[in-house]
């Protein structure tokens, strides 16, 4: 969320895109951690699956922000 906010306030397109990419990569890290948490029974499989789906959805939203900035 902070990376998106920081990118949003940037005046430079390349900098915006960079922060949006940081946010998208963070979603990937969260997805990865859901497997670790689920495999170690730290959280239930249902909760791990739910978190993973939310991370996937958020990553797609981040991808939309990146596309909106353009090349």
N, C-alpha and C. Protein backbone atom coordinates (compact mmCIF):
# COMPACT_ATOMS: atom_id res chain seq x y z
N UNK A 1 0.82 -1.18 0.00
CA UNK A 1 0.00 0.00 0.00
C UNK A 1 0.88 1.26 0.00
N UNK A 2 1.95 1.23 0.76
CA UNK A 2 2.82 2.40 0.81
C UNK A 2 3.53 2.65 -0.51
N UNK A 3 3.93 1.57 -1.19
CA UNK A 3 4.57 1.74 -2.50
C UNK A 3 3.61 2.35 -3.50
N UNK A 4 2.36 1.94 -3.47
CA UNK A 4 1.37 2.51 -4.38
C UNK A 4 1.16 3.99 -4.07
N UNK A 5 1.06 4.32 -2.78
CA UNK A 5 0.87 5.73 -2.39
C UNK A 5 2.06 6.57 -2.83
N UNK A 6 3.25 6.04 -2.65
CA UNK A 6 4.44 6.79 -3.04
C UNK A 6 4.51 6.99 -4.55
N UNK A 7 4.16 5.94 -5.30
CA UNK A 7 4.13 6.07 -6.76
C UNK A 7 3.06 7.04 -7.22
N UNK A 8 1.92 7.01 -6.57
CA UNK A 8 0.80 7.87 -6.93
C UNK A 8 1.19 9.34 -6.84
N UNK A 9 1.99 9.70 -5.84
CA UNK A 9 2.36 11.09 -5.62
C UNK A 9 3.55 11.54 -6.47
N UNK A 10 4.16 10.62 -7.19
CA UNK A 10 5.30 10.97 -8.02
C UNK A 10 4.85 11.71 -9.28
N UNK A 11 5.65 12.68 -9.69
CA UNK A 11 5.36 13.43 -10.91
C UNK A 11 5.94 12.74 -12.14
N UNK A 12 6.91 11.87 -11.96
CA UNK A 12 7.61 11.24 -13.07
C UNK A 12 7.05 9.85 -13.35
N UNK A 13 6.70 9.59 -14.59
CA UNK A 13 6.09 8.32 -14.99
C UNK A 13 6.98 7.12 -14.65
N UNK A 14 8.27 7.23 -14.92
CA UNK A 14 9.18 6.10 -14.65
C UNK A 14 9.22 5.78 -13.16
N UNK A 15 9.20 6.81 -12.36
CA UNK A 15 9.22 6.60 -10.91
C UNK A 15 7.90 5.98 -10.44
N UNK A 16 6.78 6.44 -10.98
CA UNK A 16 5.48 5.84 -10.66
C UNK A 16 5.52 4.35 -10.95
N UNK A 17 5.96 4.02 -12.15
CA UNK A 17 5.99 2.63 -12.59
C UNK A 17 6.89 1.79 -11.68
N UNK A 18 8.01 2.36 -11.27
CA UNK A 18 8.93 1.65 -10.39
C UNK A 18 8.25 1.29 -9.06
N UNK A 19 7.55 2.23 -8.46
CA UNK A 19 6.89 1.95 -7.19
C UNK A 19 5.73 0.98 -7.36
N UNK A 20 5.01 1.07 -8.47
CA UNK A 20 3.93 0.11 -8.72
C UNK A 20 4.50 -1.29 -8.91
N UNK A 21 5.66 -1.40 -9.54
CA UNK A 21 6.33 -2.69 -9.67
C UNK A 21 6.77 -3.24 -8.32
N UNK A 22 7.26 -2.38 -7.45
CA UNK A 22 7.61 -2.82 -6.09
C UNK A 22 6.38 -3.43 -5.41
N UNK A 23 5.24 -2.77 -5.55
CA UNK A 23 4.00 -3.25 -4.94
C UNK A 23 3.60 -4.60 -5.52
N UNK A 24 3.72 -4.76 -6.84
CA UNK A 24 3.36 -6.03 -7.47
C UNK A 24 4.28 -7.15 -7.01
N UNK A 25 5.57 -6.86 -6.89
CA UNK A 25 6.51 -7.88 -6.42
C UNK A 25 6.22 -8.25 -4.97
N UNK A 26 5.79 -7.29 -4.18
CA UNK A 26 5.42 -7.59 -2.79
C UNK A 26 4.22 -8.55 -2.74
N UNK A 27 3.31 -8.41 -3.68
CA UNK A 27 2.19 -9.36 -3.75
C UNK A 27 2.71 -10.77 -4.02
N UNK A 28 3.72 -10.87 -4.85
CA UNK A 28 4.33 -12.17 -5.12
C UNK A 28 4.97 -12.76 -3.87
N UNK A 29 5.59 -11.90 -3.07
CA UNK A 29 6.18 -12.37 -1.81
C UNK A 29 5.09 -12.87 -0.85
N UNK A 30 3.99 -12.15 -0.79
CA UNK A 30 2.89 -12.57 0.07
C UNK A 30 2.35 -13.92 -0.41
N UNK A 31 2.18 -14.08 -1.71
CA UNK A 31 1.72 -15.37 -2.25
C UNK A 31 2.67 -16.48 -1.84
N UNK A 32 3.96 -16.24 -1.96
CA UNK A 32 4.95 -17.24 -1.57
C UNK A 32 4.83 -17.61 -0.10
N UNK A 33 4.64 -16.62 0.74
CA UNK A 33 4.54 -16.87 2.18
C UNK A 33 3.28 -17.65 2.53
N UNK A 34 2.21 -17.53 1.74
CA UNK A 34 1.00 -18.30 2.05
C UNK A 34 1.27 -19.79 1.94
N UNK A 35 2.16 -20.19 1.03
CA UNK A 35 2.52 -21.61 0.92
C UNK A 35 3.30 -22.05 2.16
N UNK A 36 4.22 -21.22 2.60
CA UNK A 36 5.01 -21.54 3.80
C UNK A 36 4.10 -21.65 5.01
N UNK A 37 3.22 -20.68 5.18
CA UNK A 37 2.31 -20.70 6.33
C UNK A 37 1.38 -21.90 6.30
N UNK A 38 0.86 -22.22 5.13
CA UNK A 38 -0.02 -23.37 5.00
C UNK A 38 0.71 -24.68 5.21
N UNK A 39 1.91 -24.81 4.63
CA UNK A 39 2.68 -26.05 4.75
C UNK A 39 3.11 -26.31 6.19
N UNK A 40 3.36 -25.25 6.94
CA UNK A 40 3.79 -25.40 8.34
C UNK A 40 2.63 -25.39 9.31
N UNK A 41 1.41 -25.40 8.79
CA UNK A 41 0.19 -25.39 9.60
C UNK A 41 0.15 -24.20 10.56
N UNK A 42 0.77 -23.10 10.16
CA UNK A 42 0.69 -21.87 10.95
C UNK A 42 -0.70 -21.27 10.83
N UNK A 43 -1.29 -21.42 9.65
CA UNK A 43 -2.67 -21.03 9.41
C UNK A 43 -3.36 -22.18 8.68
N UNK A 44 -4.67 -22.15 8.68
CA UNK A 44 -5.41 -23.23 8.01
C UNK A 44 -5.22 -23.15 6.50
N UNK A 45 -5.45 -24.27 5.84
CA UNK A 45 -5.36 -24.30 4.38
C UNK A 45 -6.36 -23.31 3.78
N UNK A 46 -7.54 -23.24 4.36
CA UNK A 46 -8.57 -22.32 3.88
C UNK A 46 -8.08 -20.87 3.97
N UNK A 47 -7.48 -20.50 5.11
CA UNK A 47 -6.97 -19.13 5.26
C UNK A 47 -5.81 -18.86 4.31
N UNK A 48 -4.94 -19.85 4.13
CA UNK A 48 -3.81 -19.68 3.20
C UNK A 48 -4.34 -19.47 1.78
N UNK A 49 -5.32 -20.28 1.39
CA UNK A 49 -5.90 -20.15 0.05
C UNK A 49 -6.57 -18.79 -0.13
N UNK A 50 -7.27 -18.33 0.90
CA UNK A 50 -7.95 -17.04 0.84
C UNK A 50 -6.95 -15.89 0.71
N UNK A 51 -5.90 -15.94 1.50
CA UNK A 51 -4.85 -14.90 1.41
C UNK A 51 -4.20 -14.91 0.04
N UNK A 52 -3.96 -16.10 -0.47
CA UNK A 52 -3.32 -16.22 -1.79
C UNK A 52 -4.20 -15.61 -2.87
N UNK A 53 -5.50 -15.88 -2.82
CA UNK A 53 -6.43 -15.31 -3.79
C UNK A 53 -6.46 -13.78 -3.70
N UNK A 54 -6.42 -13.26 -2.49
CA UNK A 54 -6.40 -11.81 -2.31
C UNK A 54 -5.11 -11.21 -2.87
N UNK A 55 -3.99 -11.89 -2.66
CA UNK A 55 -2.71 -11.41 -3.19
C UNK A 55 -2.72 -11.43 -4.72
N UNK A 56 -3.32 -12.46 -5.30
CA UNK A 56 -3.42 -12.55 -6.76
C UNK A 56 -4.27 -11.39 -7.29
N UNK A 57 -5.39 -11.16 -6.65
CA UNK A 57 -6.28 -10.07 -7.07
C UNK A 57 -5.57 -8.72 -6.96
N UNK A 58 -4.88 -8.50 -5.86
CA UNK A 58 -4.17 -7.24 -5.66
C UNK A 58 -3.05 -7.08 -6.69
N UNK A 59 -2.37 -8.17 -6.99
CA UNK A 59 -1.33 -8.12 -8.02
C UNK A 59 -1.88 -7.73 -9.38
N UNK A 60 -3.09 -8.21 -9.69
CA UNK A 60 -3.74 -7.83 -10.95
C UNK A 60 -4.08 -6.34 -10.96
N UNK A 61 -4.54 -5.84 -9.82
CA UNK A 61 -4.81 -4.40 -9.73
C UNK A 61 -3.53 -3.59 -9.92
N UNK A 62 -2.43 -4.07 -9.31
CA UNK A 62 -1.13 -3.41 -9.49
C UNK A 62 -0.72 -3.42 -10.96
N UNK A 63 -0.95 -4.55 -11.63
CA UNK A 63 -0.60 -4.64 -13.05
C UNK A 63 -1.39 -3.61 -13.86
N UNK A 64 -2.64 -3.39 -13.48
CA UNK A 64 -3.44 -2.37 -14.15
C UNK A 64 -2.87 -0.98 -13.96
N UNK A 65 -2.39 -0.70 -12.74
CA UNK A 65 -1.74 0.60 -12.50
C UNK A 65 -0.50 0.75 -13.37
N UNK A 66 0.27 -0.32 -13.47
CA UNK A 66 1.50 -0.27 -14.28
C UNK A 66 1.13 0.01 -15.74
N UNK A 67 0.11 -0.69 -16.25
CA UNK A 67 -0.31 -0.46 -17.63
C UNK A 67 -0.80 0.98 -17.83
N UNK A 68 -1.45 1.54 -16.82
CA UNK A 68 -1.98 2.89 -16.95
C UNK A 68 -0.89 3.95 -17.09
N UNK A 69 0.29 3.62 -16.58
CA UNK A 69 1.41 4.55 -16.69
C UNK A 69 2.01 4.50 -18.09
N UNK A 70 1.96 3.35 -18.71
CA UNK A 70 2.51 3.21 -20.06
C UNK A 70 4.00 2.97 -20.03
N UNK A 71 4.61 3.06 -21.20
CA UNK A 71 6.04 2.79 -21.34
C UNK A 71 6.89 3.98 -21.02
